[in-house]
Amino acid sequence: MEAGGLRRLYTSAMNDENMHDARCDCRSGLVSLRSERSVADTVAAMQRVIDARGIRLFALIDHAAEARAAGLAMPDTVVMIFGDP
């Protein structure tokens, strides 16, 4: 999904036209978006919109939970891998 499509998806999930700190790495296709909400609220909102649009969620990777399991601390960090193959 291109950056514009992800911005529209994010805006639908967050009901927020004020995008903050959107970045796209054109080589990898990775798009990062900053949310004013908590990580848990942002992930839940994105999941609802992804499900409603019939987009497949391939993986949800909670880096902070894995760090805690290893006895380490890090800020909440979740990677959502989704697409429409």
C-alpha atoms as a PDB file:
ATOM      1  CA  MET A   1       0.000   0.000   0.000  1.00  0.00           C
ATOM      2  CA  GLU A   2       1.431   3.380  -0.948  1.00  0.00           C
ATOM      3  CA  ALA A   3       1.854   6.166   1.606  1.00  0.00           C
ATOM      4  CA  GLY A   4      -1.274   8.024   0.460  1.00  0.00           C
ATOM      5  CA  GLY A   5      -3.417   4.927   0.854  1.00  0.00           C
ATOM      6  CA  LEU A   6      -2.049   4.287   4.328  1.00  0.00           C
ATOM      7  CA  ARG A   7      -2.677   7.912   5.307  1.00  0.00           C
ATOM      8  CA  ARG A   8      -6.328   7.533   4.215  1.00  0.00           C
ATOM      9  CA  LEU A   9      -6.616   4.253   6.136  1.00  0.00           C
ATOM     10  CA  TYR A  10      -5.067   5.852   9.222  1.00  0.00           C
ATOM     11  CA  THR A  11      -7.338   8.900   8.943  1.00  0.00           C
ATOM     12  CA  SER A  12     -10.363   6.576   8.787  1.00  0.00           C
ATOM     13  CA  ALA A  13      -9.173   4.679  11.841  1.00  0.00           C
ATOM     14  CA  MET A  14      -8.316   7.729  13.895  1.00  0.00           C
ATOM     15  CA  ASN A  15     -11.103  10.040  12.681  1.00  0.00           C
ATOM     16  CA  ASP A  16      -8.340  12.626  12.582  1.00  0.00           C
ATOM     17  CA  GLU A  17      -7.493  14.780   9.583  1.00  0.00           C
ATOM     18  CA  ASN A  18      -4.379  16.104  11.348  1.00  0.00           C
ATOM     19  CA  MET A  19      -1.642  13.716  10.296  1.00  0.00           C
ATOM     20  CA  HIS A  20       1.532  13.950  12.322  1.00  0.00           C
ATOM     21  CA  ASP A  21       5.021  12.879  11.335  1.00  0.00           C
ATOM     22  CA  ALA A  22       4.198  10.650   8.340  1.00  0.00           C
ATOM     23  CA  ARG A  23       7.302   9.086   6.779  1.00  0.00           C
ATOM     24  CA  CYS A  24       7.726   6.711   3.861  1.00  0.00           C
ATOM     25  CA  ASP A  25      10.849   4.771   2.900  1.00  0.00           C
ATOM     26  CA  CYS A  26      10.329   4.430  -0.836  1.00  0.00           C
ATOM     27  CA  ARG A  27      12.837   1.596  -1.194  1.00  0.00           C
ATOM     28  CA  SER A  28      11.301  -0.696   1.416  1.00  0.00           C
ATOM     29  CA  GLY A  29       7.730   0.567   1.146  1.00  0.00           C
ATOM     30  CA  LEU A  30       7.611   0.997   4.930  1.00  0.00           C
ATOM     31  CA  VAL A  31       5.336   3.805   6.067  1.00  0.00           C
ATOM     32  CA  SER A  32       5.493   5.167   9.622  1.00  0.00           C
ATOM     33  CA  LEU A  33       2.774   7.342  11.116  1.00  0.00           C
ATOM     34  CA  ARG A  34       2.706   9.031  14.509  1.00  0.00           C
ATOM     35  CA  SER A  35      -0.536   8.918  16.487  1.00  0.00           C
ATOM     36  CA  GLU A  36      -1.699  11.200  19.278  1.00  0.00           C
ATOM     37  CA  ARG A  37      -3.396   8.148  20.859  1.00  0.00           C
ATOM     38  CA  SER A  38      -1.871   5.331  22.876  1.00  0.00           C
ATOM     39  CA  VAL A  39      -0.286   2.446  20.993  1.00  0.00           C
ATOM     40  CA  ALA A  40      -3.055   0.074  22.127  1.00  0.00           C
ATOM     41  CA  ASP A  41      -5.824   2.467  20.999  1.00  0.00           C
ATOM     42  CA  THR A  42      -4.108   3.111  17.664  1.00  0.00           C
ATOM     43  CA  VAL A  43      -3.605  -0.604  16.957  1.00  0.00           C
ATOM     44  CA  ALA A  44      -7.234  -1.377  17.889  1.00  0.00           C
ATOM     45  CA  ALA A  45      -8.549   1.399  15.639  1.00  0.00           C
ATOM     46  CA  MET A  46      -6.345   0.314  12.738  1.00  0.00           C
ATOM     47  CA  GLN A  47      -7.448  -3.320  13.177  1.00  0.00           C
ATOM     48  CA  ARG A  48     -11.128  -2.303  13.026  1.00  0.00           C
ATOM     49  CA  VAL A  49     -10.627  -0.399   9.773  1.00  0.00           C
ATOM     50  CA  ILE A  50      -8.422  -3.097   8.241  1.00  0.00           C
ATOM     51  CA  ASP A  51     -11.042  -5.750   9.072  1.00  0.00           C
ATOM     52  CA  ALA A  52     -13.921  -3.589   7.796  1.00  0.00           C
ATOM     53  CA  ARG A  53     -12.161  -3.104   4.454  1.00  0.00           C
ATOM     54  CA  GLY A  54     -11.379  -6.787   4.058  1.00  0.00           C
ATOM     55  CA  ILE A  55      -7.628  -6.219   4.210  1.00  0.00           C
ATOM     56  CA  ARG A  56      -5.578  -9.113   5.542  1.00  0.00           C
ATOM     57  CA  LEU A  57      -3.537  -8.607   8.717  1.00  0.00           C
ATOM     58  CA  PHE A  58      -0.525 -10.870   8.217  1.00  0.00           C
ATOM     59  CA  ALA A  59       1.232 -10.159  11.513  1.00  0.00           C
ATOM     60  CA  LEU A  60       1.062  -8.037  14.621  1.00  0.00           C
ATOM     61  CA  ILE A  61       4.486  -7.793  16.245  1.00  0.00           C
ATOM     62  CA  ASP A  62       4.661  -6.323  19.748  1.00  0.00           C
ATOM     63  CA  HIS A  63       8.338  -5.469  20.196  1.00  0.00           C
ATOM     64  CA  ALA A  64       7.834  -4.057  23.715  1.00  0.00           C
ATOM     65  CA  ALA A  65       6.131  -7.262  24.925  1.00  0.00           C
ATOM     66  CA  GLU A  66       8.978  -9.351  23.536  1.00  0.00           C
ATOM     67  CA  ALA A  67      11.491  -7.055  25.229  1.00  0.00           C
ATOM     68  CA  ARG A  68       9.671  -7.430  28.567  1.00  0.00           C
ATOM     69  CA  ALA A  69       9.679 -11.221  28.139  1.00  0.00           C
ATOM     70  CA  ALA A  70      13.468 -11.018  27.774  1.00  0.00           C
ATOM     71  CA  GLY A  71      13.795  -8.819  30.857  1.00  0.00           C
ATOM     72  CA  LEU A  72      14.376  -5.631  28.874  1.00  0.00           C
ATOM     73  CA  ALA A  73      12.494  -2.341  28.778  1.00  0.00           C
ATOM     74  CA  MET A  74      11.481  -0.356  25.718  1.00  0.00           C
ATOM     75  CA  PRO A  75       8.673   2.032  24.801  1.00  0.00           C
ATOM     76  CA  ASP A  76       5.476   0.547  23.387  1.00  0.00           C
ATOM     77  CA  THR A  77       6.257  -0.431  19.814  1.00  0.00           C
ATOM     78  CA  VAL A  78       3.954  -2.467  17.572  1.00  0.00           C
ATOM     79  CA  VAL A  79       4.446  -3.350  13.909  1.00  0.00           C
ATOM     80  CA  MET A  80       1.365  -4.189  11.852  1.00  0.00           C
ATOM     81  CA  ILE A  81       1.969  -6.029   8.590  1.00  0.00           C
ATOM     82  CA  PHE A  82      -1.085  -5.985   6.365  1.00  0.00           C
ATOM     83  CA  GLY A  83      -2.024  -5.875   2.726  1.00  0.00           C
ATOM     84  CA  ASP A  84      -4.345  -6.998   0.020  1.00  0.00           C
ATOM     85  CA  PRO A  85      -2.535  -9.684  -1.924  1.00  0.00           C
END
